[in-house]
Amino acid sequence: MGSPTLQLYNDLYEFDTILLSWNQITAPNAPSPRSHNTATLLPNGKIIYIGGVSQDTARSQTNLINMIESNNSLSKLIKLDVSSEPYQYSELKPSGINPPPPLSYHSAHIYSDYMIIAFGNITNDITDSNETSSEVYLLYIPCLTWESTFIPGRTDCKGNQKDSSNLKIIIGCSIAFGVVIIAGIICV
């Protein structure tokens, strides 16, 4: 703090809310010293650290930490499946209107069935992020579609409506077939 040079740390502390005290923790397999990363608490009690910047040596230039080894995640929506280990990354390809541009330093939060992405710096492969976004983007997760309106309690998908129509056709044909067979038996 207050120094013109940056030095990253990987210290881990816990705050005891009963004693109101901080304690440093020594943990095996601690992540490398980093900054600008996310720290996400999983339902199973584990914390995962994603992305950020690191340093080869103290007070040296920082390097971006790639979220996916040997894969550029710029302008992609990446999902991290934590349902089983090893965790697996996969790229999602949503459809719909109003997709966000490639962003950095944005916020992304899940509320109900929506991922809400707000603000950040607009990025590209060539230049640093210097254009900011004042937009908010909505991804309706069940349909994997970008939306322009938040609809609380929504339960539909355009794709599911087609599936629902197909189901109605199948049920209708089955009933019609049953009626024809019963009518045939009565006639005989």
Protein backbone atom coordinates (compact mmCIF):
# COMPACT_ATOMS: atom_id res chain seq x y z
CA MET A 1 0.00 0.00 0.00
CA GLY A 2 1.33 3.40 -0.94
CA SER A 3 4.25 1.92 -2.90
CA PRO A 4 4.73 2.62 -6.62
CA THR A 5 5.66 -1.05 -7.12
CA LEU A 6 3.26 -3.95 -6.93
CA GLN A 7 3.95 -7.05 -4.89
CA LEU A 8 1.39 -9.85 -4.84
CA TYR A 9 0.79 -12.18 -1.90
CA ASN A 10 -0.98 -15.47 -1.30
CA ASP A 11 -1.54 -15.05 2.43
CA LEU A 12 -4.71 -16.62 3.80
CA TYR A 13 -6.47 -15.31 6.89
CA GLU A 14 -9.65 -16.24 8.69
CA PHE A 15 -11.79 -13.90 10.76
CA ASP A 16 -13.23 -15.37 13.95
CA THR A 17 -16.62 -13.69 14.29
CA ILE A 18 -16.95 -14.74 17.94
CA LEU A 19 -13.55 -13.56 19.21
CA LEU A 20 -13.39 -10.76 16.60
CA SER A 21 -9.84 -11.67 15.67
CA TRP A 22 -7.85 -12.47 12.54
CA ASN A 23 -5.65 -15.58 12.28
CA GLN A 24 -3.24 -16.44 9.49
CA ILE A 25 -3.78 -19.92 8.03
CA THR A 26 -1.11 -22.11 6.48
CA ALA A 27 -2.79 -24.22 3.81
CA PRO A 28 -1.24 -26.87 1.57
CA ASN A 29 -1.59 -26.34 -2.20
CA ALA A 30 -2.24 -22.60 -1.78
CA PRO A 31 -2.68 -20.72 -5.06
CA SER A 32 0.23 -18.71 -6.41
CA PRO A 33 0.43 -15.06 -5.34
CA ARG A 34 -2.18 -13.19 -7.39
CA SER A 35 -4.51 -10.23 -7.69
CA HIS A 36 -7.65 -9.33 -9.67
CA ASN A 37 -8.95 -12.91 -9.41
CA THR A 38 -12.27 -14.25 -8.22
CA ALA A 39 -12.64 -16.27 -5.06
CA THR A 40 -15.86 -18.26 -5.18
CA LEU A 41 -17.29 -20.32 -2.34
CA LEU A 42 -18.82 -23.56 -3.64
CA PRO A 43 -21.77 -25.35 -1.99
CA ASN A 44 -19.40 -28.13 -0.86
CA GLY A 45 -17.38 -25.64 1.22
CA LYS A 46 -14.43 -25.39 -1.18
CA ILE A 47 -13.18 -22.05 -2.47
CA ILE A 48 -12.00 -21.83 -6.06
CA TYR A 49 -9.74 -19.07 -7.35
CA ILE A 50 -10.13 -18.18 -11.02
CA GLY A 51 -8.11 -15.88 -13.26
CA GLY A 52 -6.34 -12.73 -12.16
CA VAL A 53 -2.73 -11.66 -12.54
CA SER A 54 0.48 -13.12 -11.15
CA GLN A 55 4.17 -12.17 -11.01
CA ASP A 56 7.25 -14.18 -11.90
CA THR A 57 9.16 -12.38 -9.13
CA ALA A 58 8.20 -9.87 -6.47
CA ARG A 59 7.78 -6.31 -7.79
CA SER A 60 8.01 -7.42 -11.44
CA GLN A 61 5.54 -6.93 -14.28
CA THR A 62 2.26 -8.82 -13.80
CA ASN A 63 1.08 -11.58 -16.15
CA LEU A 64 -2.51 -12.59 -16.86
CA ILE A 65 -3.47 -15.99 -15.45
CA ASN A 66 -5.27 -17.93 -18.15
CA MET A 67 -8.59 -19.36 -16.95
CA ILE A 68 -8.31 -22.29 -19.32
CA GLU A 69 -4.87 -23.73 -19.97
CA SER A 70 -3.73 -23.04 -23.57
CA ASN A 71 -7.13 -21.65 -24.53
CA ASN A 72 -8.01 -18.00 -25.00
CA SER A 73 -11.29 -17.29 -23.19
CA LEU A 74 -11.64 -13.74 -24.53
CA SER A 75 -15.17 -12.96 -25.80
CA LYS A 76 -16.44 -16.36 -24.70
CA LEU A 77 -18.89 -17.35 -22.03
CA ILE A 78 -17.21 -20.08 -20.03
CA LYS A 79 -18.93 -22.48 -17.64
CA LEU A 80 -17.04 -24.26 -14.88
CA ASP A 81 -18.75 -27.53 -13.94
CA VAL A 82 -17.98 -28.23 -10.28
CA SER A 83 -20.37 -31.19 -9.93
CA SER A 84 -17.48 -33.65 -10.02
CA GLU A 85 -13.69 -33.51 -9.87
CA PRO A 86 -11.64 -32.72 -11.84
CA TYR A 87 -13.66 -29.58 -12.57
CA GLN A 88 -14.29 -29.05 -16.28
CA TYR A 89 -14.53 -25.85 -18.31
CA SER A 90 -16.79 -25.66 -21.34
CA GLU A 91 -17.79 -22.86 -23.66
CA LEU A 92 -21.44 -21.84 -23.75
CA LYS A 93 -22.94 -20.39 -26.92
CA PRO A 94 -26.07 -18.45 -25.99
CA SER A 95 -28.42 -17.05 -28.60
CA GLY A 96 -30.80 -14.14 -28.44
CA ILE A 97 -30.69 -10.37 -28.50
CA ASN A 98 -28.39 -7.96 -26.69
CA PRO A 99 -25.27 -10.10 -26.09
CA PRO A 100 -22.50 -8.30 -24.24
CA PRO A 101 -19.24 -7.38 -25.95
CA PRO A 102 -16.05 -8.98 -24.61
CA LEU A 103 -15.70 -7.53 -21.09
CA SER A 104 -13.21 -7.40 -18.26
CA TYR A 105 -13.60 -5.97 -14.74
CA HIS A 106 -17.37 -6.52 -14.97
CA SER A 107 -19.66 -8.05 -12.39
CA ALA A 108 -21.64 -11.23 -12.97
CA HIS A 109 -24.24 -12.47 -10.52
CA ILE A 110 -26.90 -15.16 -10.57
CA TYR A 111 -30.40 -14.14 -9.48
CA SER A 112 -33.27 -16.58 -9.90
CA ASP A 113 -32.75 -18.12 -13.37
CA TYR A 114 -30.81 -15.14 -14.74
CA MET A 115 -27.15 -14.22 -14.90
CA ILE A 116 -26.86 -10.45 -14.68
CA ILE A 117 -23.68 -8.98 -16.16
CA ALA A 118 -23.04 -5.32 -15.46
CA PHE A 119 -20.54 -2.68 -16.52
CA GLY A 120 -16.83 -3.41 -17.06
CA ASN A 121 -14.24 -2.57 -19.68
CA ILE A 122 -14.81 -3.51 -23.31
CA THR A 123 -11.82 -5.57 -24.47
CA ASN A 124 -10.40 -7.13 -27.62
CA ASP A 125 -7.37 -9.18 -28.66
CA ILE A 126 -5.30 -6.19 -29.77
CA THR A 127 -5.56 -3.31 -27.30
CA ASP A 128 -5.89 -2.76 -23.56
CA SER A 129 -9.30 -2.16 -22.04
CA ASN A 130 -9.94 1.56 -22.14
CA GLU A 131 -13.58 1.79 -23.26
CA THR A 132 -16.07 1.22 -20.45
CA SER A 133 -19.53 -0.27 -20.65
CA SER A 134 -22.48 1.26 -18.82
CA GLU A 135 -24.80 -1.56 -19.88
CA VAL A 136 -26.48 -4.39 -17.99
CA TYR A 137 -26.96 -7.73 -19.78
CA LEU A 138 -29.35 -10.57 -18.92
CA LEU A 139 -28.76 -14.24 -19.70
CA TYR A 140 -31.83 -16.44 -19.11
CA ILE A 141 -30.01 -19.59 -18.01
CA PRO A 142 -32.66 -22.32 -18.69
CA CYS A 143 -32.91 -21.27 -22.35
CA LEU A 144 -29.33 -19.99 -22.64
CA THR A 145 -30.60 -16.82 -24.33
CA TRP A 146 -29.66 -13.16 -23.97
CA GLU A 147 -32.76 -11.19 -23.03
CA SER A 148 -33.68 -7.52 -22.80
CA THR A 149 -36.33 -7.90 -20.09
CA PHE A 150 -36.23 -9.52 -16.65
CA ILE A 151 -39.38 -11.62 -16.09
CA PRO A 152 -39.65 -12.88 -12.48
CA GLY A 153 -40.92 -16.46 -12.20
CA ARG A 154 -40.51 -17.16 -15.89
CA THR A 155 -40.67 -20.87 -16.75
CA ASP A 156 -40.75 -20.97 -20.54
CA CYS A 157 -38.21 -21.46 -23.28
CA LYS A 158 -38.88 -20.92 -26.94
CA GLY A 159 -37.25 -24.31 -27.55
CA ASN A 160 -39.43 -25.89 -24.85
CA GLN A 161 -42.55 -24.44 -26.48
CA LYS A 162 -41.72 -26.42 -29.62
CA ASP A 163 -41.17 -29.52 -27.48
CA SER A 164 -44.51 -28.83 -25.78
CA SER A 165 -46.21 -28.54 -29.22
CA ASN A 166 -44.68 -31.86 -30.27
CA LEU A 167 -45.93 -33.46 -27.06
CA LYS A 168 -49.44 -32.14 -27.75
CA ILE A 169 -49.33 -33.60 -31.26
CA ILE A 170 -48.16 -36.98 -29.95
CA ILE A 171 -50.88 -37.05 -27.27
CA GLY A 172 -53.53 -35.96 -29.81
CA CYS A 173 -52.47 -38.64 -32.32
CA SER A 174 -52.45 -41.27 -29.57
CA ILE A 175 -55.98 -40.34 -28.49
CA ALA A 176 -57.18 -40.30 -32.11
CA PHE A 177 -55.58 -43.71 -32.73
CA GLY A 178 -57.27 -45.06 -29.57
CA VAL A 179 -60.66 -43.70 -30.66
CA VAL A 180 -60.28 -45.32 -34.12
CA ILE A 181 -59.42 -48.70 -32.54
CA ILE A 182 -62.37 -48.52 -30.10
CA ALA A 183 -64.72 -47.46 -32.92
CA GLY A 184 -63.43 -50.39 -35.02
CA ILE A 185 -64.03 -52.86 -32.15
CA ILE A 186 -67.58 -51.51 -31.61
CA CYS A 187 -68.36 -51.79 -35.36
CA VAL A 188 -67.12 -55.38 -35.50
